[in-house]
Amino acid sequence: MNKFILAVGLLSLAGTAFAAGKPCEELKAEIAAKLDAKGVSGYSLEIVDKGTAADGKVVGTCEGGAKEIVYKR
């Protein structure tokens, strides 16, 4: 029973860390790697505050939804 309670406690801590979101630079690097693997070139990824993506496509959110990663060609 104690192991079960410990497991539930650890999973709840992991869930809160996951809900906080990834660091922006880490997510930006992952997105860039996926784009490069598909052969995409001539693009830029920019980290901006949420809601300020004027002339690009939002391809990710980070830092708990406070910032967005914008793709521009």
C-alpha atoms as a PDB file:
ATOM      1  CA  MET A   1       0.000   0.000   0.000  1.00  0.00           C
ATOM      2  CA  ASN A   2       2.836   2.393   0.814  1.00  0.00           C
ATOM      3  CA  LYS A   3       4.379   1.776  -2.621  1.00  0.00           C
ATOM      4  CA  PHE A   4       1.068   2.620  -4.258  1.00  0.00           C
ATOM      5  CA  ILE A   5       0.777   5.903  -2.353  1.00  0.00           C
ATOM      6  CA  LEU A   6       4.385   6.757  -3.228  1.00  0.00           C
ATOM      7  CA  ALA A   7       3.750   6.010  -6.914  1.00  0.00           C
ATOM      8  CA  VAL A   8       0.631   8.187  -6.967  1.00  0.00           C
ATOM      9  CA  GLY A   9       2.530  11.007  -5.275  1.00  0.00           C
ATOM     10  CA  LEU A  10       5.392  10.834  -7.758  1.00  0.00           C
ATOM     11  CA  LEU A  11       3.034  10.732 -10.724  1.00  0.00           C
ATOM     12  CA  SER A  12       1.173  13.792  -9.468  1.00  0.00           C
ATOM     13  CA  LEU A  13       4.463  15.676  -9.158  1.00  0.00           C
ATOM     14  CA  ALA A  14       5.440  14.636 -12.684  1.00  0.00           C
ATOM     15  CA  GLY A  15       2.041  15.777 -13.954  1.00  0.00           C
ATOM     16  CA  THR A  16       2.486  19.257 -12.534  1.00  0.00           C
ATOM     17  CA  ALA A  17       5.939  19.545 -14.055  1.00  0.00           C
ATOM     18  CA  PHE A  18       4.547  18.486 -17.425  1.00  0.00           C
ATOM     19  CA  ALA A  19       1.694  20.985 -17.168  1.00  0.00           C
ATOM     20  CA  ALA A  20       4.218  23.780 -16.678  1.00  0.00           C
ATOM     21  CA  GLY A  21       5.294  23.226 -20.277  1.00  0.00           C
ATOM     22  CA  LYS A  22       8.634  22.846 -21.943  1.00  0.00           C
ATOM     23  CA  PRO A  23      11.274  25.534 -21.965  1.00  0.00           C
ATOM     24  CA  CYS A  24      10.956  27.554 -25.177  1.00  0.00           C
ATOM     25  CA  GLU A  25      14.490  26.949 -26.419  1.00  0.00           C
ATOM     26  CA  GLU A  26      14.093  23.178 -26.024  1.00  0.00           C
ATOM     27  CA  LEU A  27      10.796  23.114 -27.928  1.00  0.00           C
ATOM     28  CA  LYS A  28      12.190  25.425 -30.622  1.00  0.00           C
ATOM     29  CA  ALA A  29      15.130  23.045 -31.138  1.00  0.00           C
ATOM     30  CA  GLU A  30      12.772  20.051 -31.432  1.00  0.00           C
ATOM     31  CA  ILE A  31      10.602  21.821 -34.019  1.00  0.00           C
ATOM     32  CA  ALA A  32      13.679  22.926 -35.997  1.00  0.00           C
ATOM     33  CA  ALA A  33      14.986  19.345 -36.007  1.00  0.00           C
ATOM     34  CA  LYS A  34      11.672  18.062 -37.380  1.00  0.00           C
ATOM     35  CA  LEU A  35      11.600  20.724 -40.094  1.00  0.00           C
ATOM     36  CA  ASP A  36      15.218  20.018 -41.063  1.00  0.00           C
ATOM     37  CA  ALA A  37      14.481  16.283 -41.221  1.00  0.00           C
ATOM     38  CA  LYS A  38      11.687  16.998 -43.706  1.00  0.00           C
ATOM     39  CA  GLY A  39      14.066  19.042 -45.869  1.00  0.00           C
ATOM     40  CA  VAL A  40      12.486  22.427 -45.151  1.00  0.00           C
ATOM     41  CA  SER A  41      14.818  25.376 -45.678  1.00  0.00           C
ATOM     42  CA  GLY A  42      14.569  29.160 -45.659  1.00  0.00           C
ATOM     43  CA  TYR A  43      12.482  29.421 -42.508  1.00  0.00           C
ATOM     44  CA  SER A  44      12.784  31.083 -39.135  1.00  0.00           C
ATOM     45  CA  LEU A  45      11.365  30.211 -35.755  1.00  0.00           C
ATOM     46  CA  GLU A  46      10.747  33.033 -33.316  1.00  0.00           C
ATOM     47  CA  ILE A  47       9.675  32.949 -29.671  1.00  0.00           C
ATOM     48  CA  VAL A  48       7.080  35.643 -28.939  1.00  0.00           C
ATOM     49  CA  ASP A  49       4.597  36.478 -26.201  1.00  0.00           C
ATOM     50  CA  LYS A  50       1.220  34.816 -26.633  1.00  0.00           C
ATOM     51  CA  GLY A  51      -1.052  36.702 -29.011  1.00  0.00           C
ATOM     52  CA  THR A  52       1.650  38.749 -30.751  1.00  0.00           C
ATOM     53  CA  ALA A  53       2.181  36.464 -33.774  1.00  0.00           C
ATOM     54  CA  ALA A  54       1.221  38.920 -36.509  1.00  0.00           C
ATOM     55  CA  ASP A  55       2.755  37.553 -39.698  1.00  0.00           C
ATOM     56  CA  GLY A  56       3.558  33.924 -39.021  1.00  0.00           C
ATOM     57  CA  LYS A  57       2.036  30.584 -38.127  1.00  0.00           C
ATOM     58  CA  VAL A  58       2.034  29.475 -34.496  1.00  0.00           C
ATOM     59  CA  VAL A  59       3.650  26.017 -34.398  1.00  0.00           C
ATOM     60  CA  GLY A  60       4.022  25.580 -30.641  1.00  0.00           C
ATOM     61  CA  THR A  61       3.428  27.002 -27.199  1.00  0.00           C
ATOM     62  CA  CYS A  62       5.829  26.934 -24.274  1.00  0.00           C
ATOM     63  CA  GLU A  63       6.357  28.133 -20.711  1.00  0.00           C
ATOM     64  CA  GLY A  64       2.896  27.071 -19.661  1.00  0.00           C
ATOM     65  CA  GLY A  65       1.202  28.757 -22.626  1.00  0.00           C
ATOM     66  CA  ALA A  66       2.700  32.190 -21.936  1.00  0.00           C
ATOM     67  CA  LYS A  67       4.785  32.194 -25.121  1.00  0.00           C
ATOM     68  CA  GLU A  68       4.388  30.916 -28.667  1.00  0.00           C
ATOM     69  CA  ILE A  69       6.802  29.717 -31.319  1.00  0.00           C
ATOM     70  CA  VAL A  70       6.080  31.301 -34.688  1.00  0.00           C
ATOM     71  CA  TYR A  71       7.136  29.847 -38.040  1.00  0.00           C
ATOM     72  CA  LYS A  72       7.956  32.307 -40.833  1.00  0.00           C
ATOM     73  CA  ARG A  73       9.086  31.508 -44.348  1.00  0.00           C
END
